[in-house]
């Protein structure tokens, strides 16, 4: 059985990069990409624990597939909101997202 530490370290680094991007950037597209990066770090953890845990099973991989589905829906809704924001306000700055009124 191989060591799980490199996978968890990589996932922690990816999650921290995504968290930094989501909390500090003002561009809506970058924020969405950062959230996707955090979700991929969670997927990496799920796969690593399902393959190398005490009782290997497909449970983590199935949860990972559900997580990918939720990430795709989140990206579609997020891009739709960003397009609406850009049409109404002329910017993709998330600080301008306080209301969707014209």
N, C-alpha and C. Protein backbone atom coordinates (compact mmCIF):
# COMPACT_ATOMS: atom_id res chain seq x y z
N UNK A 1 0.84 -1.17 0.00
CA UNK A 1 0.00 0.00 0.00
C UNK A 1 0.89 1.24 0.00
N UNK A 2 0.58 2.19 -0.86
CA UNK A 2 1.39 3.40 -0.98
C UNK A 2 0.95 4.44 0.05
N UNK A 3 1.76 5.46 0.15
CA UNK A 3 1.52 6.52 1.11
C UNK A 3 0.52 7.52 0.56
N UNK A 4 -0.38 7.99 1.39
CA UNK A 4 -1.44 8.92 0.98
C UNK A 4 -1.01 10.38 1.16
N UNK A 5 0.10 10.61 1.84
CA UNK A 5 0.52 11.96 2.19
C UNK A 5 0.75 12.88 0.98
N UNK A 6 1.37 12.43 -0.11
CA UNK A 6 1.55 13.35 -1.25
C UNK A 6 0.22 13.82 -1.86
N UNK A 7 -0.77 12.94 -1.89
CA UNK A 7 -2.07 13.33 -2.43
C UNK A 7 -2.75 14.36 -1.55
N UNK A 8 -2.67 14.15 -0.25
CA UNK A 8 -3.29 15.09 0.67
C UNK A 8 -2.56 16.43 0.67
N UNK A 9 -1.24 16.40 0.51
CA UNK A 9 -0.47 17.64 0.45
C UNK A 9 -0.83 18.42 -0.81
N UNK A 10 -0.92 17.73 -1.94
CA UNK A 10 -1.29 18.39 -3.19
C UNK A 10 -2.70 18.97 -3.09
N UNK A 11 -3.61 18.22 -2.51
CA UNK A 11 -4.98 18.71 -2.36
C UNK A 11 -5.03 19.92 -1.45
N UNK A 12 -4.25 19.93 -0.38
CA UNK A 12 -4.22 21.08 0.52
C UNK A 12 -3.65 22.31 -0.17
N UNK A 13 -2.61 22.12 -0.98
CA UNK A 13 -2.03 23.25 -1.72
C UNK A 13 -3.03 23.80 -2.72
N UNK A 14 -3.70 22.91 -3.46
CA UNK A 14 -4.71 23.35 -4.43
C UNK A 14 -5.85 24.09 -3.75
N UNK A 15 -6.29 23.56 -2.61
CA UNK A 15 -7.39 24.20 -1.89
C UNK A 15 -6.97 25.59 -1.39
N UNK A 16 -5.76 25.71 -0.89
CA UNK A 16 -5.29 27.01 -0.40
C UNK A 16 -5.16 28.02 -1.53
N UNK A 17 -4.68 27.59 -2.68
CA UNK A 17 -4.59 28.49 -3.84
C UNK A 17 -5.98 28.94 -4.26
N UNK A 18 -6.92 28.00 -4.31
CA UNK A 18 -8.29 28.34 -4.67
C UNK A 18 -8.95 29.26 -3.66
N UNK A 19 -8.72 29.03 -2.38
CA UNK A 19 -9.28 29.88 -1.34
C UNK A 19 -8.71 31.29 -1.43
N UNK A 20 -7.41 31.38 -1.66
CA UNK A 20 -6.78 32.70 -1.83
C UNK A 20 -7.40 33.45 -3.01
N UNK A 21 -7.56 32.74 -4.13
CA UNK A 21 -8.13 33.38 -5.31
C UNK A 21 -9.58 33.79 -5.11
N UNK A 22 -10.35 32.97 -4.41
CA UNK A 22 -11.76 33.29 -4.21
C UNK A 22 -11.95 34.47 -3.25
N UNK A 23 -11.05 34.61 -2.29
CA UNK A 23 -11.20 35.67 -1.31
C UNK A 23 -10.56 37.00 -1.70
N UNK A 24 -9.57 36.98 -2.59
CA UNK A 24 -8.83 38.21 -2.87
C UNK A 24 -9.09 38.80 -4.25
N UNK A 25 -9.49 38.02 -5.21
CA UNK A 25 -9.64 38.54 -6.57
C UNK A 25 -10.98 39.22 -6.75
N UNK A 26 -11.03 40.19 -7.65
CA UNK A 26 -12.26 40.94 -7.90
C UNK A 26 -12.95 40.50 -9.18
N UNK A 27 -12.23 39.85 -10.08
CA UNK A 27 -12.81 39.41 -11.33
C UNK A 27 -13.67 38.17 -11.09
N UNK A 28 -14.90 38.19 -11.57
CA UNK A 28 -15.82 37.10 -11.33
C UNK A 28 -15.38 35.79 -11.95
N UNK A 29 -14.74 35.84 -13.10
CA UNK A 29 -14.28 34.62 -13.76
C UNK A 29 -13.18 33.96 -12.94
N UNK A 30 -12.28 34.75 -12.39
CA UNK A 30 -11.21 34.22 -11.55
C UNK A 30 -11.79 33.61 -10.28
N UNK A 31 -12.80 34.23 -9.72
CA UNK A 31 -13.44 33.69 -8.52
C UNK A 31 -14.08 32.34 -8.83
N UNK A 32 -14.76 32.23 -9.97
CA UNK A 32 -15.35 30.95 -10.36
C UNK A 32 -14.28 29.87 -10.58
N UNK A 33 -13.18 30.25 -11.22
CA UNK A 33 -12.10 29.29 -11.42
C UNK A 33 -11.47 28.86 -10.09
N UNK A 34 -11.40 29.78 -9.15
CA UNK A 34 -10.85 29.44 -7.83
C UNK A 34 -11.77 28.47 -7.09
N UNK A 35 -13.06 28.67 -7.21
CA UNK A 35 -14.00 27.74 -6.59
C UNK A 35 -13.89 26.36 -7.23
N UNK A 36 -13.73 26.33 -8.53
CA UNK A 36 -13.55 25.04 -9.22
C UNK A 36 -12.26 24.35 -8.74
N UNK A 37 -11.22 25.13 -8.50
CA UNK A 37 -9.96 24.58 -8.00
C UNK A 37 -10.15 23.97 -6.62
N UNK A 38 -10.92 24.63 -5.78
CA UNK A 38 -11.19 24.08 -4.45
C UNK A 38 -12.01 22.79 -4.55
N UNK A 39 -12.98 22.76 -5.44
CA UNK A 39 -13.78 21.53 -5.61
C UNK A 39 -12.93 20.39 -6.15
N UNK A 40 -11.98 20.70 -7.01
CA UNK A 40 -11.08 19.65 -7.51
C UNK A 40 -10.16 19.14 -6.42
N UNK A 41 -9.77 19.99 -5.49
CA UNK A 41 -8.97 19.53 -4.35
C UNK A 41 -9.78 18.57 -3.49
N UNK A 42 -11.05 18.87 -3.31
CA UNK A 42 -11.92 17.96 -2.56
C UNK A 42 -12.06 16.63 -3.30
N UNK A 43 -12.20 16.69 -4.63
CA UNK A 43 -12.28 15.46 -5.42
C UNK A 43 -11.02 14.62 -5.27
N UNK A 44 -9.87 15.27 -5.25
CA UNK A 44 -8.61 14.55 -5.07
C UNK A 44 -8.57 13.85 -3.72
N UNK A 45 -9.04 14.53 -2.68
CA UNK A 45 -9.12 13.90 -1.36
C UNK A 45 -10.07 12.71 -1.37
N UNK A 46 -11.22 12.86 -1.98
CA UNK A 46 -12.19 11.76 -2.02
C UNK A 46 -11.62 10.54 -2.73
N UNK A 47 -10.97 10.77 -3.86
CA UNK A 47 -10.40 9.65 -4.61
C UNK A 47 -9.25 9.01 -3.83
N UNK A 48 -8.40 9.82 -3.22
CA UNK A 48 -7.27 9.27 -2.47
C UNK A 48 -7.74 8.44 -1.29
N UNK A 49 -8.74 8.93 -0.56
CA UNK A 49 -9.22 8.17 0.58
C UNK A 49 -9.97 6.92 0.15
N UNK A 50 -10.65 6.99 -1.00
CA UNK A 50 -11.38 5.79 -1.42
C UNK A 50 -10.44 4.71 -1.93
N UNK A 51 -9.32 5.09 -2.51
CA UNK A 51 -8.39 4.08 -3.04
C UNK A 51 -7.40 3.59 -2.01
N UNK A 52 -7.00 4.46 -1.06
CA UNK A 52 -5.91 4.11 -0.15
C UNK A 52 -6.31 4.12 1.32
N UNK A 53 -7.59 4.15 1.61
CA UNK A 53 -8.02 4.16 2.99
C UNK A 53 -7.93 2.78 3.62
N UNK A 54 -8.46 2.65 4.82
CA UNK A 54 -8.44 1.37 5.51
C UNK A 54 -9.31 0.33 4.83
N UNK A 55 -10.43 0.77 4.26
CA UNK A 55 -11.34 -0.13 3.56
C UNK A 55 -11.60 0.44 2.16
N UNK A 56 -10.76 0.11 1.18
CA UNK A 56 -10.94 0.68 -0.17
C UNK A 56 -12.30 0.29 -0.76
N UNK A 57 -12.97 1.29 -1.32
CA UNK A 57 -14.26 1.06 -1.95
C UNK A 57 -14.48 2.13 -3.01
N UNK A 58 -15.62 2.05 -3.67
CA UNK A 58 -15.96 3.02 -4.71
C UNK A 58 -16.73 4.22 -4.17
N UNK A 59 -16.97 4.27 -2.89
CA UNK A 59 -17.79 5.33 -2.31
C UNK A 59 -17.21 6.71 -2.59
N UNK A 60 -15.94 6.91 -2.38
CA UNK A 60 -15.32 8.21 -2.63
C UNK A 60 -15.35 8.59 -4.09
N UNK A 61 -15.22 7.61 -4.97
CA UNK A 61 -15.28 7.90 -6.39
C UNK A 61 -16.70 8.30 -6.81
N UNK A 62 -17.69 7.68 -6.22
CA UNK A 62 -19.07 8.04 -6.54
C UNK A 62 -19.38 9.44 -6.02
N UNK A 63 -18.93 9.74 -4.80
CA UNK A 63 -19.10 11.10 -4.28
C UNK A 63 -18.37 12.11 -5.15
N UNK A 64 -17.23 11.74 -5.68
CA UNK A 64 -16.48 12.62 -6.56
C UNK A 64 -17.25 12.91 -7.84
N UNK A 65 -17.92 11.91 -8.38
CA UNK A 65 -18.75 12.13 -9.58
C UNK A 65 -19.91 13.08 -9.28
N UNK A 66 -20.53 12.93 -8.12
CA UNK A 66 -21.58 13.88 -7.73
C UNK A 66 -21.01 15.28 -7.57
N UNK A 67 -19.83 15.38 -7.03
CA UNK A 67 -19.18 16.67 -6.84
C UNK A 67 -18.87 17.32 -8.19
N UNK A 68 -18.45 16.54 -9.16
CA UNK A 68 -18.18 17.06 -10.50
C UNK A 68 -19.46 17.58 -11.14
N UNK A 69 -20.56 16.85 -10.93
CA UNK A 69 -21.86 17.29 -11.46
C UNK A 69 -22.29 18.61 -10.84
N UNK A 70 -22.13 18.73 -9.54
CA UNK A 70 -22.49 19.97 -8.85
C UNK A 70 -21.59 21.11 -9.32
N UNK A 71 -20.30 20.82 -9.56
CA UNK A 71 -19.38 21.86 -10.03
C UNK A 71 -19.77 22.35 -11.42
N UNK A 72 -20.23 21.45 -12.28
CA UNK A 72 -20.66 21.86 -13.61
C UNK A 72 -21.90 22.75 -13.54
N UNK A 73 -22.84 22.39 -12.68
CA UNK A 73 -24.03 23.22 -12.52
C UNK A 73 -23.68 24.58 -11.92
N UNK A 74 -22.76 24.57 -10.96
CA UNK A 74 -22.32 25.83 -10.34
C UNK A 74 -21.65 26.73 -11.37
N UNK A 75 -20.85 26.15 -12.24
CA UNK A 75 -20.18 26.95 -13.27
C UNK A 75 -21.18 27.53 -14.25
N UNK A 76 -22.18 26.75 -14.63
CA UNK A 76 -23.18 27.24 -15.58
C UNK A 76 -23.98 28.39 -14.97
N UNK A 77 -24.41 28.25 -13.74
CA UNK A 77 -25.17 29.31 -13.09
C UNK A 77 -24.28 30.52 -12.84
N UNK A 78 -23.05 30.30 -12.42
CA UNK A 78 -22.13 31.40 -12.18
C UNK A 78 -21.82 32.21 -13.43
N UNK A 79 -21.61 31.53 -14.54
CA UNK A 79 -21.34 32.23 -15.80
C UNK A 79 -22.57 33.00 -16.25
N UNK A 80 -23.76 32.42 -16.07
CA UNK A 80 -24.99 33.13 -16.42
C UNK A 80 -25.15 34.40 -15.59
N UNK A 81 -24.84 34.32 -14.31
CA UNK A 81 -24.92 35.51 -13.45
C UNK A 81 -23.88 36.54 -13.87
N UNK A 82 -22.68 36.09 -14.20
CA UNK A 82 -21.64 37.03 -14.65
C UNK A 82 -22.01 37.72 -15.96
N UNK A 83 -22.62 36.98 -16.87
CA UNK A 83 -23.05 37.58 -18.15
C UNK A 83 -24.13 38.63 -17.89
N UNK A 84 -25.07 38.32 -17.00
CA UNK A 84 -26.11 39.28 -16.65
C UNK A 84 -25.50 40.52 -15.99
N UNK A 85 -24.55 40.31 -15.10
CA UNK A 85 -23.88 41.44 -14.45
C UNK A 85 -23.14 42.30 -15.47
N UNK A 86 -22.47 41.65 -16.41
CA UNK A 86 -21.72 42.40 -17.41
C UNK A 86 -22.67 43.19 -18.32
N UNK A 87 -23.80 42.59 -18.67
CA UNK A 87 -24.76 43.30 -19.52
C UNK A 87 -25.37 44.50 -18.80
N UNK A 88 -25.65 44.35 -17.51
CA UNK A 88 -26.31 45.43 -16.77
C UNK A 88 -25.34 46.50 -16.31
N UNK A 89 -24.17 46.13 -15.86
CA UNK A 89 -23.25 47.11 -15.26
C UNK A 89 -22.02 47.39 -16.12
N UNK A 90 -21.71 46.52 -17.10
CA UNK A 90 -20.56 46.74 -17.94
C UNK A 90 -19.24 46.32 -17.31
N UNK A 91 -19.29 45.53 -16.24
CA UNK A 91 -18.08 45.08 -15.57
C UNK A 91 -18.29 43.67 -15.02
N UNK A 92 -17.19 42.98 -14.80
CA UNK A 92 -17.28 41.66 -14.16
C UNK A 92 -16.70 41.69 -12.75
N UNK A 93 -16.61 42.89 -12.19
CA UNK A 93 -16.09 43.07 -10.84
C UNK A 93 -17.13 42.59 -9.83
N UNK A 94 -16.73 41.69 -8.94
CA UNK A 94 -17.68 41.13 -7.99
C UNK A 94 -18.09 42.15 -6.92
N UNK A 95 -17.35 43.22 -6.76
CA UNK A 95 -17.77 44.26 -5.82
C UNK A 95 -18.99 45.02 -6.32
N UNK A 96 -19.24 44.98 -7.61
CA UNK A 96 -20.42 45.64 -8.20
C UNK A 96 -21.63 44.73 -8.18
N UNK A 97 -21.52 43.57 -7.58
CA UNK A 97 -22.59 42.59 -7.61
C UNK A 97 -23.54 42.73 -6.42
N UNK A 98 -23.67 43.91 -5.86
CA UNK A 98 -24.52 44.09 -4.70
C UNK A 98 -25.99 44.04 -5.04
N UNK A 99 -26.35 44.36 -6.27
CA UNK A 99 -27.74 44.24 -6.71
C UNK A 99 -27.75 44.00 -8.21
N UNK A 100 -28.81 43.37 -8.68
CA UNK A 100 -28.94 43.11 -10.10
C UNK A 100 -29.88 44.11 -10.76
N UNK A 101 -30.18 45.22 -10.07
CA UNK A 101 -31.05 46.24 -10.62
C UNK A 101 -30.28 47.06 -11.64
N UNK A 102 -30.99 47.67 -12.56
CA UNK A 102 -30.35 48.49 -13.60
C UNK A 102 -30.08 49.83 -13.10
